[in-house]
Amino acid sequence: MKVYNKLIRDRIPEIIEASGKKSNIKIMNDSDYLKSLNKKNQMNTMKAKM
């Protein structure tokens, strides 16, 4: 199984499973979520500067 360490929106796991595939999710605590969100924002900012 491929691993995608990404933040996802609501219902995405349901959509994946409806297509016949399996998903494995982790519900983050607030601290981990904020760290991941900040990392994503930094990456998006770097891409926008290019």
Protein backbone atom coordinates (compact mmCIF):
# COMPACT_ATOMS: atom_id res chain seq x y z
CA MET A 1 0.00 0.00 0.00
CA LYS A 2 1.28 3.47 -0.85
CA VAL A 3 1.66 5.91 2.01
CA TYR A 4 0.54 9.50 1.60
CA ASN A 5 1.23 11.65 4.63
CA LYS A 6 -1.30 14.32 3.79
CA LEU A 7 -3.96 16.30 5.52
CA ILE A 8 -7.35 15.37 4.12
CA ARG A 9 -10.80 16.83 4.18
CA ASP A 10 -13.94 15.21 5.54
CA ARG A 11 -15.41 12.27 3.63
CA ILE A 12 -12.27 11.57 1.56
CA PRO A 13 -11.80 8.13 3.22
CA GLU A 14 -15.45 7.33 2.39
CA ILE A 15 -14.91 8.30 -1.25
CA ILE A 16 -11.77 6.17 -1.45
CA GLU A 17 -13.52 3.16 0.06
CA ALA A 18 -16.56 3.63 -2.21
CA SER A 19 -14.19 3.22 -5.16
CA GLY A 20 -13.24 -0.22 -3.84
CA LYS A 21 -9.91 0.77 -2.32
CA LYS A 22 -8.90 0.81 1.32
CA SER A 23 -7.70 3.76 3.36
CA ASN A 24 -6.02 4.05 6.71
CA ILE A 25 -6.40 7.33 8.55
CA LYS A 26 -5.14 8.83 11.77
CA ILE A 27 -7.08 11.48 13.63
CA MET A 28 -4.47 13.89 14.95
CA ASN A 29 -4.55 15.66 18.24
CA ASP A 30 -4.63 19.46 18.08
CA SER A 31 -0.88 19.88 18.52
CA ASP A 32 0.04 17.44 15.73
CA TYR A 33 -2.62 18.92 13.46
CA LEU A 34 -1.28 22.46 13.89
CA LYS A 35 2.28 21.27 13.20
CA SER A 36 1.17 19.53 10.01
CA LEU A 37 -0.92 22.49 8.92
CA ASN A 38 2.00 24.87 9.47
CA LYS A 39 4.29 22.58 7.48
CA LYS A 40 1.78 22.46 4.62
CA ASN A 41 1.45 26.25 4.66
CA GLN A 42 5.24 26.66 4.54
CA MET A 43 5.46 24.29 1.57
CA ASN A 44 2.69 26.16 -0.26
CA THR A 45 4.42 29.49 0.43
CA MET A 46 7.68 28.16 -0.97
CA LYS A 47 5.91 26.92 -4.12
CA ALA A 48 4.21 30.30 -4.59
CA LYS A 49 7.57 32.09 -4.43
CA MET A 50 8.96 29.99 -7.31
